[in-house]
Every structure is written in structure tokens, then in C-alpha cells.
Amino acid sequence: MDSFDTAPPPYVESAISTSSSSPSTSTSPLLRLPTHLLLQTLSHCTLPTLIFSLKPVCRTLQLAVCAITRGRTESRQKWESGIRKAAGRKGIPSTGVLHGGQSLSNEGVGRSVFETRTREEGVYDSFVASLARLERDKYESVLLVDGGEDVEDESNLSFERDLFRFSQPKARVEDLLIERGRGEGWIEPINFYGIDEKGSRMSSGKVRAEDVKIELKLRSAKLLLPVLGSGSKPLWKGIVEVNRGEEDALEVVGMRIASEFRRCAVRRIDRETVSYQF
């Protein structure tokens, strides 16, 4: 499935610079604003402007845009509506997106926006980008064709249908499993960044959150981890598989996988690449 969300832009010192300018004068006045004023200013921009014009400029604006778009009521309501339709029931499944860490600091705008971004928040960012694309296309169609605002965007509808049927549930189960694993101590803590004397990342001996991958099907769910294959690159292999009932909530599926995984003897190997043996 294609994603409308773009990869994070590189870290750059400024959005507007010239070769003859000093560092103190080369930064755009927008980026020299205090954090609260920057966010207040950007909050008046349209969604397409935020996503397509400002977000790709630099890391600072990318983080600020994500903090703003994740908090917009209209986008959240459409997200919740999409989840309800996909689930086929009125109750809204719990979601990390609506209470995820998005705090901003003056020292570095929004480090926690991505350092603590959950899998589901990543899917939500893609969803917001799809809304921005749809809004932009509708605006352009109004300019070009009478009645263009009523034109259906089949590609966007297909993207959102796949997102809510597959990407969002998968990401949610991964988040639930990671959260449960950290609480029970078999997944590495979020703040573990030990460095050994050679400058390499130290091993805690626990599963790393970035290695957790879920294969979610209609009747089953499987936890995959990278294991050493015959070549030099690890292969994703199913470690635990559980049944998934039609009425099972995602929280139940995550709990089953966690319970089964605790019975496994899995050992992490830190070499040139991280892999696991069981």
C-alpha cells in the first residue's frame, strides 16, 4: 500500500539561508520564533500548506507540523469515523494516537514527537497527509472544473480503506505489545541508550521495540522477529502465533501474543545486525 506521508527531511539548520550570511542571520525569522509563537503561527495555515509546503522544509518545521496536525479536531474526528466504519461497530477501539506524547520544547522543537512516536501515530500521520492531498485536489478541481468539489477521489478512498482495515489495526497491536512488553520487562525500555567503550550501542539483552513486527490476519496474529538466515541479512520469522476471533478486540489479541511470547526462550544476538535465536 502506498503512503502519502513523506520520509523525514534531513536535519538542517535553517529553512532560508545564503552562503554569505552568518549563522545568526541565515535562519528564517519563522524559525527564530519562540516555540509557542511558531505553533500559533502555523496553526492558521491550511492542511495542504502544512503538509506539502512547510513540513518538507526542515526538521524543525516537520516536528511542529506534526504536533499541530495531530491535535486538529476535524482530522481526529475523521480518523475515529474511519475506525468505526472499519470495525463495523459504534464503539471506538482505544487508540494511542489520541493521547500520544507530543510535547514540544524550546531547546529542540518536538524531539518527543518522533522519538516517542508510536506505530499508530505513524499511520495517523499518513492519514492526515491523505486528507491534505484530498483537500488540495478538491481545491484544484474547483478551479478547473465546475462542480469539481463533488468529484470522488478513488485512489484516496482505496488508500483510506486499506489503512483502516490493515495498517491501523496492525500498528495498534504492535503498540499494545510493545507497551505491555516494556511494562513486564522483556522489551527494552524507551530510554535505554547505553553506549559501550567502543562507541557501540550496548545490549540490554531484551527485545528491542523496533524489532517487533506483527502479521495480522482475519483468524490469526503472528509476532515476527529478525533471525539469522543462511545469508548475512536477518530474515523475519514467526515466533508466536495466536488465534484471532471475529469479535476479539485488538487489546485481547495483543495480550494473547504477549502471554505466549513469555513462554518462549528467545535470545537476542548483537553482531553487525541484531537478530534473535529461539
C-alpha atoms as a PDB file:
ATOM      1  CA  MET A   1       0.000   0.000   0.000  1.00  0.00           C
ATOM      2  CA  ASP A   2       1.349   3.397  -0.962  1.00  0.00           C
ATOM      3  CA  SER A   3       1.698   6.043   1.728  1.00  0.00           C
ATOM      4  CA  PHE A   4       1.032   9.734   1.293  1.00  0.00           C
ATOM      5  CA  ASP A   5       3.318  10.540   4.205  1.00  0.00           C
ATOM      6  CA  THR A   6       6.841  11.545   3.281  1.00  0.00           C
ATOM      7  CA  ALA A   7      10.090  10.426   4.869  1.00  0.00           C
ATOM      8  CA  PRO A   8      11.518  12.800   7.484  1.00  0.00           C
ATOM      9  CA  PRO A   9      13.565  15.580   5.885  1.00  0.00           C
ATOM     10  CA  PRO A  10      17.218  15.874   6.890  1.00  0.00           C
ATOM     11  CA  TYR A  11      18.317  17.920   9.853  1.00  0.00           C
ATOM     12  CA  VAL A  12      19.111  21.378   8.568  1.00  0.00           C
ATOM     13  CA  GLU A  13      19.992  24.492  10.483  1.00  0.00           C
ATOM     14  CA  SER A  14      17.708  26.792   8.584  1.00  0.00           C
ATOM     15  CA  ALA A  15      14.922  26.905   6.075  1.00  0.00           C
ATOM     16  CA  ILE A  16      16.212  30.013   4.301  1.00  0.00           C
ATOM     17  CA  SER A  17      19.949  30.655   4.015  1.00  0.00           C
ATOM     18  CA  THR A  18      22.601  32.189   1.796  1.00  0.00           C
ATOM     19  CA  SER A  19      26.234  31.355   1.505  1.00  0.00           C
ATOM     20  CA  SER A  20      27.294  34.866   2.571  1.00  0.00           C
ATOM     21  CA  SER A  21      25.090  35.019   5.667  1.00  0.00           C
ATOM     22  CA  SER A  22      26.294  34.271   9.154  1.00  0.00           C
ATOM     23  CA  PRO A  23      24.514  31.550  11.181  1.00  0.00           C
ATOM     24  CA  SER A  24      22.742  34.229  13.254  1.00  0.00           C
ATOM     25  CA  THR A  25      21.219  35.890  10.188  1.00  0.00           C
ATOM     26  CA  SER A  26      20.731  32.917   7.861  1.00  0.00           C
ATOM     27  CA  THR A  27      17.855  31.325   9.773  1.00  0.00           C
ATOM     28  CA  SER A  28      14.359  32.206   8.670  1.00  0.00           C
ATOM     29  CA  PRO A  29      12.605  34.616  11.052  1.00  0.00           C
ATOM     30  CA  LEU A  30       9.859  31.999  11.330  1.00  0.00           C
ATOM     31  CA  LEU A  31      12.277  29.512  12.849  1.00  0.00           C
ATOM     32  CA  ARG A  32      13.631  32.072  15.316  1.00  0.00           C
ATOM     33  CA  LEU A  33      10.214  32.467  16.922  1.00  0.00           C
ATOM     34  CA  PRO A  34       9.655  31.017  20.409  1.00  0.00           C
ATOM     35  CA  THR A  35       8.052  27.618  20.195  1.00  0.00           C
ATOM     36  CA  HIS A  36       4.581  28.717  21.305  1.00  0.00           C
ATOM     37  CA  LEU A  37       4.552  31.542  18.753  1.00  0.00           C
ATOM     38  CA  LEU A  38       5.790  29.239  15.988  1.00  0.00           C
ATOM     39  CA  LEU A  39       2.982  26.775  16.686  1.00  0.00           C
ATOM     40  CA  GLN A  40       0.404  29.539  16.965  1.00  0.00           C
ATOM     41  CA  THR A  41       1.501  30.983  13.616  1.00  0.00           C
ATOM     42  CA  LEU A  42       1.483  27.641  11.817  1.00  0.00           C
ATOM     43  CA  SER A  43      -1.903  26.713  13.269  1.00  0.00           C
ATOM     44  CA  HIS A  44      -3.535  29.268  10.952  1.00  0.00           C
ATOM     45  CA  CYS A  45      -2.225  27.526   7.812  1.00  0.00           C
ATOM     46  CA  THR A  46      -4.353  25.189   5.748  1.00  0.00           C
ATOM     47  CA  LEU A  47      -3.687  21.478   5.943  1.00  0.00           C
ATOM     48  CA  PRO A  48      -2.211  21.264   2.394  1.00  0.00           C
ATOM     49  CA  THR A  49       0.115  24.187   3.183  1.00  0.00           C
ATOM     50  CA  LEU A  50       1.315  22.497   6.357  1.00  0.00           C
ATOM     51  CA  ILE A  51       1.870  19.090   4.768  1.00  0.00           C
ATOM     52  CA  PHE A  52       3.185  19.956   1.308  1.00  0.00           C
ATOM     53  CA  SER A  53       4.788  23.387   1.712  1.00  0.00           C
ATOM     54  CA  LEU A  54       6.100  23.562   5.283  1.00  0.00           C
ATOM     55  CA  LYS A  55       6.661  20.003   6.505  1.00  0.00           C
ATOM     56  CA  PRO A  56       9.344  19.122   3.884  1.00  0.00           C
ATOM     57  CA  VAL A  57      11.418  22.277   4.541  1.00  0.00           C
ATOM     58  CA  CYS A  58      13.383  21.200   7.614  1.00  0.00           C
ATOM     59  CA  ARG A  59      13.239  19.033  10.706  1.00  0.00           C
ATOM     60  CA  THR A  60      12.021  21.847  12.944  1.00  0.00           C
ATOM     61  CA  LEU A  61       9.003  22.576  10.777  1.00  0.00           C
ATOM     62  CA  GLN A  62       8.316  18.888  10.273  1.00  0.00           C
ATOM     63  CA  LEU A  63       8.049  18.328  14.015  1.00  0.00           C
ATOM     64  CA  ALA A  64       5.972  21.458  14.533  1.00  0.00           C
ATOM     65  CA  VAL A  65       3.587  20.500  11.725  1.00  0.00           C
ATOM     66  CA  CYS A  66       3.103  17.012  13.157  1.00  0.00           C
ATOM     67  CA  ALA A  67       2.346  18.444  16.590  1.00  0.00           C
ATOM     68  CA  ILE A  68      -0.285  20.757  15.071  1.00  0.00           C
ATOM     69  CA  THR A  69      -1.944  18.288  12.706  1.00  0.00           C
ATOM     70  CA  ARG A  70      -2.209  15.572  15.325  1.00  0.00           C
ATOM     71  CA  GLY A  71      -4.160  17.949  17.517  1.00  0.00           C
ATOM     72  CA  ARG A  72      -6.720  19.167  14.970  1.00  0.00           C
ATOM     73  CA  THR A  73     -10.231  18.155  15.944  1.00  0.00           C
ATOM     74  CA  GLU A  74     -11.512  17.697  12.397  1.00  0.00           C
ATOM     75  CA  SER A  75      -8.736  15.252  11.478  1.00  0.00           C
ATOM     76  CA  ARG A  76      -9.278  13.274  14.676  1.00  0.00           C
ATOM     77  CA  GLN A  77     -13.000  13.034  14.074  1.00  0.00           C
ATOM     78  CA  LYS A  78     -12.419  11.685  10.563  1.00  0.00           C
ATOM     79  CA  TRP A  79      -9.874   9.226  11.985  1.00  0.00           C
ATOM     80  CA  GLU A  80     -12.347   7.972  14.592  1.00  0.00           C
ATOM     81  CA  SER A  81     -15.062   7.699  11.945  1.00  0.00           C
ATOM     82  CA  GLY A  82     -12.779   5.607   9.762  1.00  0.00           C
ATOM     83  CA  ILE A  83     -12.007   3.274  12.664  1.00  0.00           C
ATOM     84  CA  ARG A  84     -15.706   2.873  13.479  1.00  0.00           C
ATOM     85  CA  LYS A  85     -16.587   2.037   9.896  1.00  0.00           C
ATOM     86  CA  ALA A  86     -13.758  -0.495   9.605  1.00  0.00           C
ATOM     87  CA  ALA A  87     -14.686  -2.104  12.910  1.00  0.00           C
ATOM     88  CA  GLY A  88     -18.347  -2.268  11.949  1.00  0.00           C
ATOM     89  CA  ARG A  89     -19.491  -1.136  15.385  1.00  0.00           C
ATOM     90  CA  LYS A  90     -20.257   2.091  17.197  1.00  0.00           C
ATOM     91  CA  GLY A  91     -17.604   1.766  19.900  1.00  0.00           C
ATOM     92  CA  ILE A  92     -14.235   3.293  19.112  1.00  0.00           C
ATOM     93  CA  PRO A  93     -11.281   0.953  19.792  1.00  0.00           C
ATOM     94  CA  SER A  94      -8.709   2.513  22.100  1.00  0.00           C
ATOM     95  CA  THR A  95      -6.031   4.351  20.201  1.00  0.00           C
ATOM     96  CA  GLY A  96      -2.618   5.635  21.182  1.00  0.00           C
ATOM     97  CA  VAL A  97      -2.846   8.468  18.680  1.00  0.00           C
ATOM     98  CA  LEU A  98      -5.262  10.477  20.790  1.00  0.00           C
ATOM     99  CA  HIS A  99      -3.044  10.519  23.857  1.00  0.00           C
ATOM    100  CA  GLY A 100       0.430  10.062  22.385  1.00  0.00           C
ATOM    101  CA  GLY A 101       3.412  12.136  23.580  1.00  0.00           C
ATOM    102  CA  GLN A 102       3.682  15.277  21.502  1.00  0.00           C
ATOM    103  CA  SER A 103       5.253  17.766  23.904  1.00  0.00           C
ATOM    104  CA  LEU A 104       7.452  20.483  22.469  1.00  0.00           C
ATOM    105  CA  SER A 105      10.430  22.249  23.993  1.00  0.00           C
ATOM    106  CA  ASN A 106      12.210  25.477  23.173  1.00  0.00           C
ATOM    107  CA  GLU A 107      15.564  23.658  23.117  1.00  0.00           C
ATOM    108  CA  GLY A 108      14.531  21.491  20.189  1.00  0.00           C
ATOM    109  CA  VAL A 109      11.071  21.738  18.722  1.00  0.00           C
ATOM    110  CA  GLY A 110       9.321  18.474  19.347  1.00  0.00           C
ATOM    111  CA  ARG A 111      12.042  15.886  19.892  1.00  0.00           C
ATOM    112  CA  SER A 112       9.444  13.661  21.545  1.00  0.00           C
ATOM    113  CA  VAL A 113       7.113  13.903  18.541  1.00  0.00           C
ATOM    114  CA  PHE A 114       9.209  11.287  16.749  1.00  0.00           C
ATOM    115  CA  GLU A 115      11.402   9.789  19.458  1.00  0.00           C
ATOM    116  CA  THR A 116       8.270   8.527  21.210  1.00  0.00           C
ATOM    117  CA  ARG A 117       6.058   8.233  18.140  1.00  0.00           C
ATOM    118  CA  THR A 118       4.030   5.059  18.287  1.00  0.00           C
ATOM    119  CA  ARG A 119       3.366   2.854  15.283  1.00  0.00           C
ATOM    120  CA  GLU A 120      -0.233   4.041  15.214  1.00  0.00           C
ATOM    121  CA  GLU A 121       0.825   7.681  15.292  1.00  0.00           C
ATOM    122  CA  GLY A 122       2.895   6.971  12.199  1.00  0.00           C
ATOM    123  CA  VAL A 123      -0.211   5.603  10.483  1.00  0.00           C
ATOM    124  CA  TYR A 124      -2.163   8.637  11.666  1.00  0.00           C
ATOM    125  CA  ASP A 125       0.431  10.970  10.120  1.00  0.00           C
ATOM    126  CA  SER A 126      -0.067   9.170   6.799  1.00  0.00           C
ATOM    127  CA  PHE A 127      -3.829   9.532   7.183  1.00  0.00           C
ATOM    128  CA  VAL A 128      -3.507  13.284   7.777  1.00  0.00           C
ATOM    129  CA  ALA A 129      -1.304  13.561   4.678  1.00  0.00           C
ATOM    130  CA  SER A 130      -4.032  11.794   2.667  1.00  0.00           C
ATOM    131  CA  LEU A 131      -6.574  14.333   3.941  1.00  0.00           C
ATOM    132  CA  ALA A 132      -4.258  17.141   2.866  1.00  0.00           C
ATOM    133  CA  ARG A 133      -3.887  15.632  -0.590  1.00  0.00           C
ATOM    134  CA  LEU A 134      -7.654  15.271  -0.948  1.00  0.00           C
ATOM    135  CA  GLU A 135      -8.243  18.858   0.176  1.00  0.00           C
ATOM    136  CA  ARG A 136      -5.629  20.139  -2.250  1.00  0.00           C
ATOM    137  CA  ASP A 137      -7.020  18.130  -5.163  1.00  0.00           C
ATOM    138  CA  LYS A 138     -10.581  19.259  -4.464  1.00  0.00           C
ATOM    139  CA  TYR A 139      -9.474  22.889  -4.388  1.00  0.00           C
ATOM    140  CA  GLU A 140      -7.670  22.482  -7.695  1.00  0.00           C
ATOM    141  CA  SER A 141     -10.660  20.711  -9.257  1.00  0.00           C
ATOM    142  CA  VAL A 142     -12.947  23.589  -8.273  1.00  0.00           C
ATOM    143  CA  LEU A 143     -10.670  25.965 -10.142  1.00  0.00           C
ATOM    144  CA  LEU A 144     -10.573  23.781 -13.256  1.00  0.00           C
ATOM    145  CA  VAL A 145     -13.997  22.126 -13.444  1.00  0.00           C
ATOM    146  CA  ASP A 146     -17.468  23.332 -12.497  1.00  0.00           C
ATOM    147  CA  GLY A 147     -18.795  21.181  -9.694  1.00  0.00           C
ATOM    148  CA  GLY A 148     -15.331  19.759  -9.147  1.00  0.00           C
ATOM    149  CA  GLU A 149     -15.825  19.756  -5.401  1.00  0.00           C
ATOM    150  CA  ASP A 150     -18.129  16.735  -5.833  1.00  0.00           C
ATOM    151  CA  VAL A 151     -15.553  14.646  -7.671  1.00  0.00           C
ATOM    152  CA  GLU A 152     -14.705  11.406  -5.840  1.00  0.00           C
ATOM    153  CA  ASP A 153     -11.065  10.502  -5.392  1.00  0.00           C
ATOM    154  CA  GLU A 154     -10.974   6.724  -5.858  1.00  0.00           C
ATOM    155  CA  SER A 155      -7.268   6.411  -5.059  1.00  0.00           C
ATOM    156  CA  ASN A 156      -7.724   8.247  -1.762  1.00  0.00           C
ATOM    157  CA  LEU A 157     -10.782   6.165  -0.854  1.00  0.00           C
ATOM    158  CA  SER A 158      -8.831   2.973  -1.574  1.00  0.00           C
ATOM    159  CA  PHE A 159      -5.878   4.188   0.490  1.00  0.00           C
ATOM    160  CA  GLU A 160      -8.032   5.021   3.500  1.00  0.00           C
ATOM    161  CA  ARG A 161      -9.939   1.739   3.233  1.00  0.00           C
ATOM    162  CA  ASP A 162      -6.687  -0.233   3.342  1.00  0.00           C
ATOM    163  CA  LEU A 163      -5.318   1.998   6.088  1.00  0.00           C
ATOM    164  CA  PHE A 164      -8.214   1.338   8.464  1.00  0.00           C
ATOM    165  CA  ARG A 165      -8.591  -2.345   7.594  1.00  0.00           C
ATOM    166  CA  PHE A 166      -4.937  -3.302   7.762  1.00  0.00           C
ATOM    167  CA  SER A 167      -2.383  -0.639   8.742  1.00  0.00           C
ATOM    168  CA  GLN A 168      -4.163   0.835  11.759  1.00  0.00           C
ATOM    169  CA  PRO A 169      -5.108  -2.484  13.442  1.00  0.00           C
ATOM    170  CA  LYS A 170      -1.621  -3.888  12.806  1.00  0.00           C
ATOM    171  CA  ALA A 171       0.060  -0.788  14.223  1.00  0.00           C
ATOM    172  CA  ARG A 172      -2.251  -0.769  17.230  1.00  0.00           C
ATOM    173  CA  VAL A 173      -1.443  -4.378  18.141  1.00  0.00           C
ATOM    174  CA  GLU A 174       2.278  -3.645  17.788  1.00  0.00           C
ATOM    175  CA  ASP A 175       1.923  -0.659  20.107  1.00  0.00           C
ATOM    176  CA  LEU A 176      -0.035  -2.700  22.644  1.00  0.00           C
ATOM    177  CA  LEU A 177       2.571  -5.452  22.563  1.00  0.00           C
ATOM    178  CA  ILE A 178       5.460  -3.005  22.955  1.00  0.00           C
ATOM    179  CA  GLU A 179       3.722  -1.228  25.825  1.00  0.00           C
ATOM    180  CA  ARG A 180       2.970  -4.498  27.588  1.00  0.00           C
ATOM    181  CA  GLY A 181       6.477  -5.842  26.968  1.00  0.00           C
ATOM    182  CA  ARG A 182       8.091  -2.762  28.473  1.00  0.00           C
ATOM    183  CA  GLY A 183       5.823  -2.962  31.493  1.00  0.00           C
ATOM    184  CA  GLU A 184       6.683  -6.631  32.023  1.00  0.00           C
ATOM    185  CA  GLY A 185      10.389  -6.096  31.390  1.00  0.00           C
ATOM    186  CA  TRP A 186      11.015  -8.220  28.286  1.00  0.00           C
ATOM    187  CA  ILE A 187      11.171  -5.300  25.851  1.00  0.00           C
ATOM    188  CA  GLU A 188      13.954  -2.762  26.159  1.00  0.00           C
ATOM    189  CA  PRO A 189      12.970   0.471  27.957  1.00  0.00           C
ATOM    190  CA  ILE A 190      12.318   3.505  25.811  1.00  0.00           C
ATOM    191  CA  ASN A 191      15.139   5.448  27.471  1.00  0.00           C
ATOM    192  CA  PHE A 192      17.806   2.743  27.117  1.00  0.00           C
ATOM    193  CA  TYR A 193      20.670   4.259  25.138  1.00  0.00           C
ATOM    194  CA  GLY A 194      23.743   2.714  26.732  1.00  0.00           C
ATOM    195  CA  ILE A 195      26.999   3.062  24.780  1.00  0.00           C
ATOM    196  CA  ASP A 196      29.987   0.748  25.328  1.00  0.00           C
ATOM    197  CA  GLU A 197      33.660   1.731  25.289  1.00  0.00           C
ATOM    198  CA  LYS A 198      33.836   1.180  21.518  1.00  0.00           C
ATOM    199  CA  GLY A 199      31.027   3.646  20.923  1.00  0.00           C
ATOM    200  CA  SER A 200      28.508   0.946  20.021  1.00  0.00           C
ATOM    201  CA  ARG A 201      25.039   0.664  21.455  1.00  0.00           C
ATOM    202  CA  MET A 202      25.073  -1.574  24.500  1.00  0.00           C
ATOM    203  CA  SER A 203      22.817  -4.590  24.685  1.00  0.00           C
ATOM    204  CA  SER A 204      20.239  -4.896  27.438  1.00  0.00           C
ATOM    205  CA  GLY A 205      19.601  -8.481  26.365  1.00  0.00           C
ATOM    206  CA  LYS A 206      15.931  -7.678  25.822  1.00  0.00           C
ATOM    207  CA  VAL A 207      13.807  -7.414  22.697  1.00  0.00           C
ATOM    208  CA  ARG A 208      14.090  -4.034  21.019  1.00  0.00           C
ATOM    209  CA  ALA A 209      10.834  -2.300  20.215  1.00  0.00           C
ATOM    210  CA  GLU A 210      11.953  -1.515  16.664  1.00  0.00           C
ATOM    211  CA  ASP A 211      12.327  -5.251  16.003  1.00  0.00           C
ATOM    212  CA  VAL A 212       8.704  -6.047  16.862  1.00  0.00           C
ATOM    213  CA  LYS A 213       6.565  -6.806  13.824  1.00  0.00           C
ATOM    214  CA  ILE A 214       3.023  -8.174  13.723  1.00  0.00           C
ATOM    215  CA  GLU A 215       1.377 -10.117  10.914  1.00  0.00           C
ATOM    216  CA  LEU A 216      -2.342  -9.607  11.431  1.00  0.00           C
ATOM    217  CA  LYS A 217      -4.836 -11.822   9.609  1.00  0.00           C
ATOM    218  CA  LEU A 218      -8.579 -12.339   9.962  1.00  0.00           C
ATOM    219  CA  ARG A 219      -8.229 -15.535  12.006  1.00  0.00           C
ATOM    220  CA  SER A 220      -4.738 -15.277  13.422  1.00  0.00           C
ATOM    221  CA  ALA A 221      -1.972 -12.940  14.547  1.00  0.00           C
ATOM    222  CA  LYS A 222       1.740 -13.630  14.479  1.00  0.00           C
ATOM    223  CA  LEU A 223       4.733 -11.984  16.134  1.00  0.00           C
ATOM    224  CA  LEU A 224       7.809 -11.832  13.897  1.00  0.00           C
ATOM    225  CA  LEU A 225      11.407 -11.080  14.841  1.00  0.00           C
ATOM    226  CA  PRO A 226      14.544 -10.910  12.674  1.00  0.00           C
ATOM    227  CA  VAL A 227      16.560 -14.154  12.898  1.00  0.00           C
ATOM    228  CA  LEU A 228      19.816 -15.128  11.249  1.00  0.00           C
ATOM    229  CA  GLY A 229      19.338 -16.873   7.934  1.00  0.00           C
ATOM    230  CA  SER A 230      21.793 -18.563   5.624  1.00  0.00           C
ATOM    231  CA  GLY A 231      22.981 -15.185   4.337  1.00  0.00           C
ATOM    232  CA  SER A 232      24.324 -12.153   6.151  1.00  0.00           C
ATOM    233  CA  LYS A 233      20.957 -10.431   6.476  1.00  0.00           C
ATOM    234  CA  PRO A 234      18.384 -11.435   9.094  1.00  0.00           C
ATOM    235  CA  LEU A 235      15.061 -12.877   7.962  1.00  0.00           C
ATOM    236  CA  TRP A 236      11.710 -12.131   9.544  1.00  0.00           C
ATOM    237  CA  LYS A 237      10.422 -15.295  11.175  1.00  0.00           C
ATOM    238  CA  GLY A 238       7.249 -16.022  13.110  1.00  0.00           C
ATOM    239  CA  ILE A 239       7.983 -16.569  16.802  1.00  0.00           C
ATOM    240  CA  VAL A 240       4.475 -16.748  18.238  1.00  0.00           C
ATOM    241  CA  GLU A 241       1.105 -17.267  16.541  1.00  0.00           C
ATOM    242  CA  VAL A 242      -2.296 -16.993  18.226  1.00  0.00           C
ATOM    243  CA  ASN A 243      -5.887 -17.388  17.108  1.00  0.00           C
ATOM    244  CA  ARG A 244      -7.968 -14.294  16.472  1.00  0.00           C
ATOM    245  CA  GLY A 245     -11.730 -14.433  16.837  1.00  0.00           C
ATOM    246  CA  GLU A 246     -14.069 -12.270  14.792  1.00  0.00           C
ATOM    247  CA  GLU A 247     -15.217 -10.323  17.865  1.00  0.00           C
ATOM    248  CA  ASP A 248     -11.823 -10.133  19.576  1.00  0.00           C
ATOM    249  CA  ALA A 249     -10.692  -6.607  20.403  1.00  0.00           C
ATOM    250  CA  LEU A 250      -7.162  -5.647  19.411  1.00  0.00           C
ATOM    251  CA  GLU A 251      -6.261  -5.427  23.103  1.00  0.00           C
ATOM    252  CA  VAL A 252      -7.177  -9.098  23.513  1.00  0.00           C
ATOM    253  CA  VAL A 253      -5.017 -10.086  20.554  1.00  0.00           C
ATOM    254  CA  GLY A 254      -2.058  -8.165  21.949  1.00  0.00           C
ATOM    255  CA  MET A 255      -2.480  -9.767  25.367  1.00  0.00           C
ATOM    256  CA  ARG A 256      -2.568 -13.274  23.850  1.00  0.00           C
ATOM    257  CA  ILE A 257       0.629 -12.692  21.896  1.00  0.00           C
ATOM    258  CA  ALA A 258       2.397 -11.314  24.969  1.00  0.00           C
ATOM    259  CA  SER A 259       1.297 -14.289  27.084  1.00  0.00           C
ATOM    260  CA  GLU A 260       2.532 -16.791  24.513  1.00  0.00           C
ATOM    261  CA  PHE A 261       5.813 -14.956  23.967  1.00  0.00           C
ATOM    262  CA  ARG A 262       6.696 -15.104  27.667  1.00  0.00           C
ATOM    263  CA  ARG A 263       6.827 -18.907  27.327  1.00  0.00           C
ATOM    264  CA  CYS A 264       9.434 -18.732  24.568  1.00  0.00           C
ATOM    265  CA  ALA A 265      13.184 -18.844  25.114  1.00  0.00           C
ATOM    266  CA  VAL A 266      14.295 -16.064  22.790  1.00  0.00           C
ATOM    267  CA  ARG A 267      17.854 -14.747  22.855  1.00  0.00           C
ATOM    268  CA  ARG A 268      18.972 -11.586  21.131  1.00  0.00           C
ATOM    269  CA  ILE A 269      22.302 -11.594  19.295  1.00  0.00           C
ATOM    270  CA  ASP A 270      24.118  -8.305  18.745  1.00  0.00           C
ATOM    271  CA  ARG A 271      26.567  -8.536  15.869  1.00  0.00           C
ATOM    272  CA  GLU A 272      26.754  -6.456  12.734  1.00  0.00           C
ATOM    273  CA  THR A 273      22.979  -6.754  12.702  1.00  0.00           C
ATOM    274  CA  VAL A 274      20.599  -7.507  15.536  1.00  0.00           C
ATOM    275  CA  SER A 275      18.906 -10.870  15.319  1.00  0.00           C
ATOM    276  CA  TYR A 276      17.290 -13.420  17.589  1.00  0.00           C
ATOM    277  CA  GLN A 277      17.625 -17.115  18.319  1.00  0.00           C
ATOM    278  CA  PHE A 278      14.952 -19.278  19.891  1.00  0.00           C
END
